[in-house]
Amino acid sequence: MCTRWAESGRTAYAVALFASIAFTLLATASPRADGYPTRFSFGATATEQDIARIAIAIPADGKGLPPGRGGYARGKEVYEVACAACHGADLKGVAGLPDMPSGNALRLVGGRGTLTSQKPTVTVESYWPYATTLFDYIRRAMPYTAPGSMSDDDVYAVSAYILAEGKIIDRSTVLDAASLPTVMMPNRDGFIADPRPELFR
C-alpha cells in the first residue's frame, strides 16, 4: 500500500513538473492566432552574408555559376592531389576503402550503355544528365577530407578533367560559367521531367 502511494505521488509530481515547464515555455513565446508561437527566443537571425556563404547550389541551367575558369591540365594536377586517393588514378574507384563506399561506387567514368542492363555502371559519364551538377557537387562536397576547400578555378579544372577523361568534352576545352552549361552529357535525355510545379523556390 505504501509503495503504491509513493509511486502515485511521484507520478503526480512528474505530471505537475511537466505542466509547469510547458506553461513557462508557452508563456514566454509569442503566440499566433492559431496558438503556435512565432518566436522561440533562441539562435540568431541569419544575415545576408550567412545565407550567401551556404546558398551556393547550382541548378541544371548553370544559373549562379561563379567567375573562374579551368582546363584539363590544371584539373589533372588537382585531381591527382585531391581526388585520386578515393576515385583512383584511372577514375574507376579505389576498392577496399574503410568506413566509406569504395570501388564501383566511386567510379567516375565508363558505363555508357549499361544503365538498362542487369549490372548498370552508374558514373558521371554514364548517368549524370548535367555537367553543372558535377561542378556543384565537387564544390560543395569534395574532397572527402576537406569539402568546400577547393577554389572555383580548381573546381572548373577538375570538372574539365573528369569530363574529358569520360570523352564528353575535348581536352582543349576550358570550362567557365558560359561553357559549362553547354556541355551535352551522354544521358541528358535519359530522365523523365516531373510536370508538377515547383512550390518551394
C-alpha atoms as a PDB file:
ATOM      1  CA  MET A   1       0.000   0.000   0.000  1.00  0.00           C
ATOM      2  CA  CYS A   2       2.748   2.460   0.935  1.00  0.00           C
ATOM      3  CA  THR A   3       4.709   1.551  -2.230  1.00  0.00           C
ATOM      4  CA  ARG A   4       1.727   2.302  -4.453  1.00  0.00           C
ATOM      5  CA  TRP A   5       1.115   5.571  -2.661  1.00  0.00           C
ATOM      6  CA  ALA A   6       4.769   6.592  -3.177  1.00  0.00           C
ATOM      7  CA  GLU A   7       4.639   5.663  -6.885  1.00  0.00           C
ATOM      8  CA  SER A   8       1.415   7.595  -7.432  1.00  0.00           C
ATOM      9  CA  GLY A   9       2.926  10.545  -5.578  1.00  0.00           C
ATOM     10  CA  ARG A  10       5.973  10.501  -7.850  1.00  0.00           C
ATOM     11  CA  THR A  11       3.752  10.286 -10.912  1.00  0.00           C
ATOM     12  CA  ALA A  12       1.663  13.247  -9.769  1.00  0.00           C
ATOM     13  CA  TYR A  13       4.850  15.225  -9.097  1.00  0.00           C
ATOM     14  CA  ALA A  14       6.236  14.421 -12.563  1.00  0.00           C
ATOM     15  CA  VAL A  15       2.975  15.481 -14.236  1.00  0.00           C
ATOM     16  CA  ALA A  16       2.898  18.734 -12.262  1.00  0.00           C
ATOM     17  CA  LEU A  17       6.534  19.467 -13.131  1.00  0.00           C
ATOM     18  CA  PHE A  18       5.963  18.794 -16.831  1.00  0.00           C
ATOM     19  CA  ALA A  19       2.862  21.010 -16.849  1.00  0.00           C
ATOM     20  CA  SER A  20       4.798  23.793 -15.118  1.00  0.00           C
ATOM     21  CA  ILE A  21       7.636  23.663 -17.673  1.00  0.00           C
ATOM     22  CA  ALA A  22       5.216  23.573 -20.603  1.00  0.00           C
ATOM     23  CA  PHE A  23       3.290  26.550 -19.213  1.00  0.00           C
ATOM     24  CA  THR A  24       6.514  28.538 -18.764  1.00  0.00           C
ATOM     25  CA  LEU A  25       7.636  27.841 -22.329  1.00  0.00           C
ATOM     26  CA  LEU A  26       4.286  28.792 -23.774  1.00  0.00           C
ATOM     27  CA  ALA A  27       4.082  31.913 -21.665  1.00  0.00           C
ATOM     28  CA  THR A  28       7.471  33.173 -22.898  1.00  0.00           C
ATOM     29  CA  ALA A  29       6.713  32.531 -26.575  1.00  0.00           C
ATOM     30  CA  SER A  30       4.664  34.948 -28.659  1.00  0.00           C
ATOM     31  CA  PRO A  31       1.508  33.083 -29.684  1.00  0.00           C
ATOM     32  CA  ARG A  32      -0.029  33.402 -33.129  1.00  0.00           C
ATOM     33  CA  ALA A  33      -3.757  33.419 -33.675  1.00  0.00           C
ATOM     34  CA  ASP A  34      -3.772  29.629 -34.097  1.00  0.00           C
ATOM     35  CA  GLY A  35      -1.914  29.141 -30.821  1.00  0.00           C
ATOM     36  CA  TYR A  36       1.559  28.322 -32.183  1.00  0.00           C
ATOM     37  CA  PRO A  37       4.476  30.532 -31.123  1.00  0.00           C
ATOM     38  CA  THR A  38       6.036  32.822 -33.707  1.00  0.00           C
ATOM     39  CA  ARG A  39       9.221  33.281 -31.735  1.00  0.00           C
ATOM     40  CA  PHE A  40      11.247  30.950 -29.541  1.00  0.00           C
ATOM     41  CA  SER A  41      13.901  33.418 -28.321  1.00  0.00           C
ATOM     42  CA  PHE A  42      16.961  31.345 -29.184  1.00  0.00           C
ATOM     43  CA  GLY A  43      19.501  31.471 -32.007  1.00  0.00           C
ATOM     44  CA  ALA A  44      20.204  34.472 -34.201  1.00  0.00           C
ATOM     45  CA  THR A  45      18.714  35.754 -37.427  1.00  0.00           C
ATOM     46  CA  ALA A  46      20.855  34.753 -40.416  1.00  0.00           C
ATOM     47  CA  THR A  47      22.432  37.720 -42.207  1.00  0.00           C
ATOM     48  CA  GLU A  48      22.630  38.052 -45.979  1.00  0.00           C
ATOM     49  CA  GLN A  49      26.312  37.110 -45.708  1.00  0.00           C
ATOM     50  CA  ASP A  50      25.483  33.992 -43.676  1.00  0.00           C
ATOM     51  CA  ILE A  51      22.977  32.872 -46.278  1.00  0.00           C
ATOM     52  CA  ALA A  52      25.255  33.681 -49.236  1.00  0.00           C
ATOM     53  CA  ARG A  53      28.003  31.514 -47.749  1.00  0.00           C
ATOM     54  CA  ILE A  54      25.891  28.355 -47.836  1.00  0.00           C
ATOM     55  CA  ALA A  55      23.293  29.070 -50.553  1.00  0.00           C
ATOM     56  CA  ILE A  56      25.645  28.041 -53.358  1.00  0.00           C
ATOM     57  CA  ALA A  57      23.685  25.270 -55.082  1.00  0.00           C
ATOM     58  CA  ILE A  58      23.866  25.430 -58.877  1.00  0.00           C
ATOM     59  CA  PRO A  59      20.793  24.364 -60.871  1.00  0.00           C
ATOM     60  CA  ALA A  60      20.922  22.444 -64.149  1.00  0.00           C
ATOM     61  CA  ASP A  61      20.884  25.621 -66.253  1.00  0.00           C
ATOM     62  CA  GLY A  62      24.036  26.897 -64.534  1.00  0.00           C
ATOM     63  CA  LYS A  63      22.430  30.000 -63.077  1.00  0.00           C
ATOM     64  CA  GLY A  64      24.660  31.352 -60.328  1.00  0.00           C
ATOM     65  CA  LEU A  65      27.894  29.724 -61.517  1.00  0.00           C
ATOM     66  CA  PRO A  66      30.792  31.744 -60.104  1.00  0.00           C
ATOM     67  CA  PRO A  67      33.516  33.554 -62.044  1.00  0.00           C
ATOM     68  CA  GLY A  68      36.581  31.496 -62.829  1.00  0.00           C
ATOM     69  CA  ARG A  69      37.828  29.018 -65.397  1.00  0.00           C
ATOM     70  CA  GLY A  70      39.767  25.797 -65.623  1.00  0.00           C
ATOM     71  CA  GLY A  71      41.063  23.270 -68.105  1.00  0.00           C
ATOM     72  CA  TYR A  72      42.336  19.719 -68.415  1.00  0.00           C
ATOM     73  CA  ALA A  73      45.997  20.173 -67.464  1.00  0.00           C
ATOM     74  CA  ARG A  74      45.308  22.004 -64.210  1.00  0.00           C
ATOM     75  CA  GLY A  75      42.416  19.643 -63.495  1.00  0.00           C
ATOM     76  CA  LYS A  76      44.702  16.634 -63.762  1.00  0.00           C
ATOM     77  CA  GLU A  77      47.129  18.184 -61.267  1.00  0.00           C
ATOM     78  CA  VAL A  78      44.383  18.920 -58.757  1.00  0.00           C
ATOM     79  CA  TYR A  79      42.752  15.516 -59.281  1.00  0.00           C
ATOM     80  CA  GLU A  80      45.972  13.672 -58.525  1.00  0.00           C
ATOM     81  CA  VAL A  81      46.361  15.530 -55.220  1.00  0.00           C
ATOM     82  CA  ALA A  82      42.741  15.869 -54.046  1.00  0.00           C
ATOM     83  CA  CYS A  83      40.731  13.103 -55.725  1.00  0.00           C
ATOM     84  CA  ALA A  84      42.779  10.085 -56.801  1.00  0.00           C
ATOM     85  CA  ALA A  85      43.093   8.614 -53.300  1.00  0.00           C
ATOM     86  CA  CYS A  86      39.401   7.654 -53.423  1.00  0.00           C
ATOM     87  CA  HIS A  87      38.427   7.815 -57.103  1.00  0.00           C
ATOM     88  CA  GLY A  88      41.603   6.180 -58.391  1.00  0.00           C
ATOM     89  CA  ALA A  89      44.306   7.267 -60.791  1.00  0.00           C
ATOM     90  CA  ASP A  90      42.172   5.843 -63.621  1.00  0.00           C
ATOM     91  CA  LEU A  91      38.933   7.434 -62.279  1.00  0.00           C
ATOM     92  CA  LYS A  92      37.458   3.962 -61.733  1.00  0.00           C
ATOM     93  CA  GLY A  93      37.354   3.986 -57.934  1.00  0.00           C
ATOM     94  CA  VAL A  94      39.627   2.552 -55.254  1.00  0.00           C
ATOM     95  CA  ALA A  95      38.497  -0.762 -53.758  1.00  0.00           C
ATOM     96  CA  GLY A  96      38.588  -1.637 -50.065  1.00  0.00           C
ATOM     97  CA  LEU A  97      38.442   1.820 -48.515  1.00  0.00           C
ATOM     98  CA  PRO A  98      37.466   1.567 -44.819  1.00  0.00           C
ATOM     99  CA  ASP A  99      34.210   3.032 -43.471  1.00  0.00           C
ATOM    100  CA  MET A 100      33.036   4.506 -46.774  1.00  0.00           C
ATOM    101  CA  PRO A 101      31.841   3.488 -50.235  1.00  0.00           C
ATOM    102  CA  SER A 102      34.577   2.131 -52.458  1.00  0.00           C
ATOM    103  CA  GLY A 103      35.281   0.550 -55.810  1.00  0.00           C
ATOM    104  CA  ASN A 104      32.489   0.968 -58.350  1.00  0.00           C
ATOM    105  CA  ALA A 105      30.588   3.336 -56.048  1.00  0.00           C
ATOM    106  CA  LEU A 106      33.411   5.843 -56.542  1.00  0.00           C
ATOM    107  CA  ARG A 107      33.850   5.291 -60.256  1.00  0.00           C
ATOM    108  CA  LEU A 108      33.581   8.459 -62.354  1.00  0.00           C
ATOM    109  CA  VAL A 109      33.964   7.252 -65.961  1.00  0.00           C
ATOM    110  CA  GLY A 110      32.772   4.420 -68.153  1.00  0.00           C
ATOM    111  CA  GLY A 111      29.471   2.581 -68.063  1.00  0.00           C
ATOM    112  CA  ARG A 112      27.810   4.010 -71.138  1.00  0.00           C
ATOM    113  CA  GLY A 113      25.115   1.679 -72.410  1.00  0.00           C
ATOM    114  CA  THR A 114      24.905  -0.295 -69.151  1.00  0.00           C
ATOM    115  CA  LEU A 115      22.041   1.521 -67.421  1.00  0.00           C
ATOM    116  CA  THR A 116      19.386  -0.845 -68.768  1.00  0.00           C
ATOM    117  CA  SER A 117      21.456  -3.962 -68.106  1.00  0.00           C
ATOM    118  CA  GLN A 118      21.319  -6.293 -65.095  1.00  0.00           C
ATOM    119  CA  LYS A 119      24.511  -4.695 -63.740  1.00  0.00           C
ATOM    120  CA  PRO A 120      24.491  -0.982 -64.590  1.00  0.00           C
ATOM    121  CA  THR A 121      27.657   1.017 -64.045  1.00  0.00           C
ATOM    122  CA  VAL A 122      26.472   4.371 -62.740  1.00  0.00           C
ATOM    123  CA  THR A 123      29.056   7.105 -63.265  1.00  0.00           C
ATOM    124  CA  VAL A 124      29.290  10.789 -64.105  1.00  0.00           C
ATOM    125  CA  GLU A 125      29.838   9.711 -67.707  1.00  0.00           C
ATOM    126  CA  SER A 126      27.000   7.204 -67.963  1.00  0.00           C
ATOM    127  CA  TYR A 127      24.297   8.594 -65.680  1.00  0.00           C
ATOM    128  CA  TRP A 128      24.517  12.275 -64.770  1.00  0.00           C
ATOM    129  CA  PRO A 129      22.353  14.428 -67.074  1.00  0.00           C
ATOM    130  CA  TYR A 130      24.002  17.830 -66.476  1.00  0.00           C
ATOM    131  CA  ALA A 131      27.645  18.879 -66.257  1.00  0.00           C
ATOM    132  CA  THR A 132      26.633  21.713 -63.937  1.00  0.00           C
ATOM    133  CA  THR A 133      25.700  19.091 -61.334  1.00  0.00           C
ATOM    134  CA  LEU A 134      29.289  17.848 -61.403  1.00  0.00           C
ATOM    135  CA  PHE A 135      30.619  21.338 -60.652  1.00  0.00           C
ATOM    136  CA  ASP A 136      28.030  21.861 -57.914  1.00  0.00           C
ATOM    137  CA  TYR A 137      28.793  18.556 -56.193  1.00  0.00           C
ATOM    138  CA  ILE A 138      32.565  18.933 -56.321  1.00  0.00           C
ATOM    139  CA  ARG A 139      32.401  22.484 -54.979  1.00  0.00           C
ATOM    140  CA  ARG A 140      30.157  21.595 -52.022  1.00  0.00           C
ATOM    141  CA  ALA A 141      31.261  18.075 -51.099  1.00  0.00           C
ATOM    142  CA  MET A 142      34.805  17.404 -52.295  1.00  0.00           C
ATOM    143  CA  PRO A 143      37.447  16.485 -51.492  1.00  0.00           C
ATOM    144  CA  TYR A 144      36.108  13.996 -48.967  1.00  0.00           C
ATOM    145  CA  THR A 145      38.528  15.078 -46.242  1.00  0.00           C
ATOM    146  CA  ALA A 146      38.038  18.828 -46.756  1.00  0.00           C
ATOM    147  CA  PRO A 147      34.743  19.575 -48.518  1.00  0.00           C
ATOM    148  CA  GLY A 148      34.365  23.092 -49.874  1.00  0.00           C
ATOM    149  CA  SER A 149      38.082  23.822 -49.742  1.00  0.00           C
ATOM    150  CA  MET A 150      38.771  23.989 -53.490  1.00  0.00           C
ATOM    151  CA  SER A 151      38.884  27.300 -55.351  1.00  0.00           C
ATOM    152  CA  ASP A 152      36.298  27.866 -58.074  1.00  0.00           C
ATOM    153  CA  ASP A 153      39.078  27.771 -60.690  1.00  0.00           C
ATOM    154  CA  ASP A 154      40.161  24.347 -59.456  1.00  0.00           C
ATOM    155  CA  VAL A 155      36.583  23.059 -59.416  1.00  0.00           C
ATOM    156  CA  TYR A 156      36.180  24.127 -63.054  1.00  0.00           C
ATOM    157  CA  ALA A 157      39.522  22.459 -63.824  1.00  0.00           C
ATOM    158  CA  VAL A 158      38.685  19.149 -62.120  1.00  0.00           C
ATOM    159  CA  SER A 159      35.302  19.151 -63.849  1.00  0.00           C
ATOM    160  CA  ALA A 160      37.073  19.621 -67.184  1.00  0.00           C
ATOM    161  CA  TYR A 161      39.479  16.775 -66.396  1.00  0.00           C
ATOM    162  CA  ILE A 162      36.711  14.327 -65.444  1.00  0.00           C
ATOM    163  CA  LEU A 163      34.548  15.239 -68.431  1.00  0.00           C
ATOM    164  CA  ALA A 164      37.495  14.940 -70.822  1.00  0.00           C
ATOM    165  CA  GLU A 165      38.556  11.578 -69.392  1.00  0.00           C
ATOM    166  CA  GLY A 166      34.982  10.444 -69.967  1.00  0.00           C
ATOM    167  CA  LYS A 167      35.294  11.616 -73.584  1.00  0.00           C
ATOM    168  CA  ILE A 168      32.433  14.049 -73.109  1.00  0.00           C
ATOM    169  CA  ILE A 169      34.482  17.146 -73.953  1.00  0.00           C
ATOM    170  CA  ASP A 170      37.788  17.653 -75.713  1.00  0.00           C
ATOM    171  CA  ARG A 171      40.945  18.035 -73.633  1.00  0.00           C
ATOM    172  CA  SER A 172      41.400  21.517 -75.064  1.00  0.00           C
ATOM    173  CA  THR A 173      38.054  22.733 -73.669  1.00  0.00           C
ATOM    174  CA  VAL A 174      38.218  25.390 -70.966  1.00  0.00           C
ATOM    175  CA  LEU A 175      35.220  25.429 -68.650  1.00  0.00           C
ATOM    176  CA  ASP A 176      33.680  28.547 -67.151  1.00  0.00           C
ATOM    177  CA  ALA A 177      30.222  29.879 -66.299  1.00  0.00           C
ATOM    178  CA  ALA A 178      29.381  30.258 -70.004  1.00  0.00           C
ATOM    179  CA  SER A 179      30.745  26.986 -71.400  1.00  0.00           C
ATOM    180  CA  LEU A 180      29.904  24.518 -68.619  1.00  0.00           C
ATOM    181  CA  PRO A 181      26.087  24.644 -69.066  1.00  0.00           C
ATOM    182  CA  THR A 182      26.503  23.939 -72.799  1.00  0.00           C
ATOM    183  CA  VAL A 183      28.194  20.563 -72.236  1.00  0.00           C
ATOM    184  CA  MET A 184      25.914  17.822 -73.551  1.00  0.00           C
ATOM    185  CA  MET A 185      26.054  14.822 -71.237  1.00  0.00           C
ATOM    186  CA  PRO A 186      25.515  11.358 -72.771  1.00  0.00           C
ATOM    187  CA  ASN A 187      22.457  10.664 -70.599  1.00  0.00           C
ATOM    188  CA  ARG A 188      20.863  14.107 -70.919  1.00  0.00           C
ATOM    189  CA  ASP A 189      17.667  12.628 -72.371  1.00  0.00           C
ATOM    190  CA  GLY A 190      17.568   9.604 -70.085  1.00  0.00           C
ATOM    191  CA  PHE A 191      15.342  11.267 -67.486  1.00  0.00           C
ATOM    192  CA  ILE A 192      11.608  11.985 -67.476  1.00  0.00           C
ATOM    193  CA  ALA A 193      10.747  15.543 -66.487  1.00  0.00           C
ATOM    194  CA  ASP A 194       8.490  15.957 -63.466  1.00  0.00           C
ATOM    195  CA  PRO A 195       5.484  18.008 -64.645  1.00  0.00           C
ATOM    196  CA  ARG A 196       4.490  19.107 -61.148  1.00  0.00           C
ATOM    197  CA  PRO A 197       5.105  22.779 -60.346  1.00  0.00           C
ATOM    198  CA  GLU A 198       7.996  23.911 -58.143  1.00  0.00           C
ATOM    199  CA  LEU A 199       6.367  25.180 -54.936  1.00  0.00           C
ATOM    200  CA  PHE A 200       9.404  25.940 -52.820  1.00  0.00           C
ATOM    201  CA  ARG A 201      11.695  28.075 -54.965  1.00  0.00           C
END
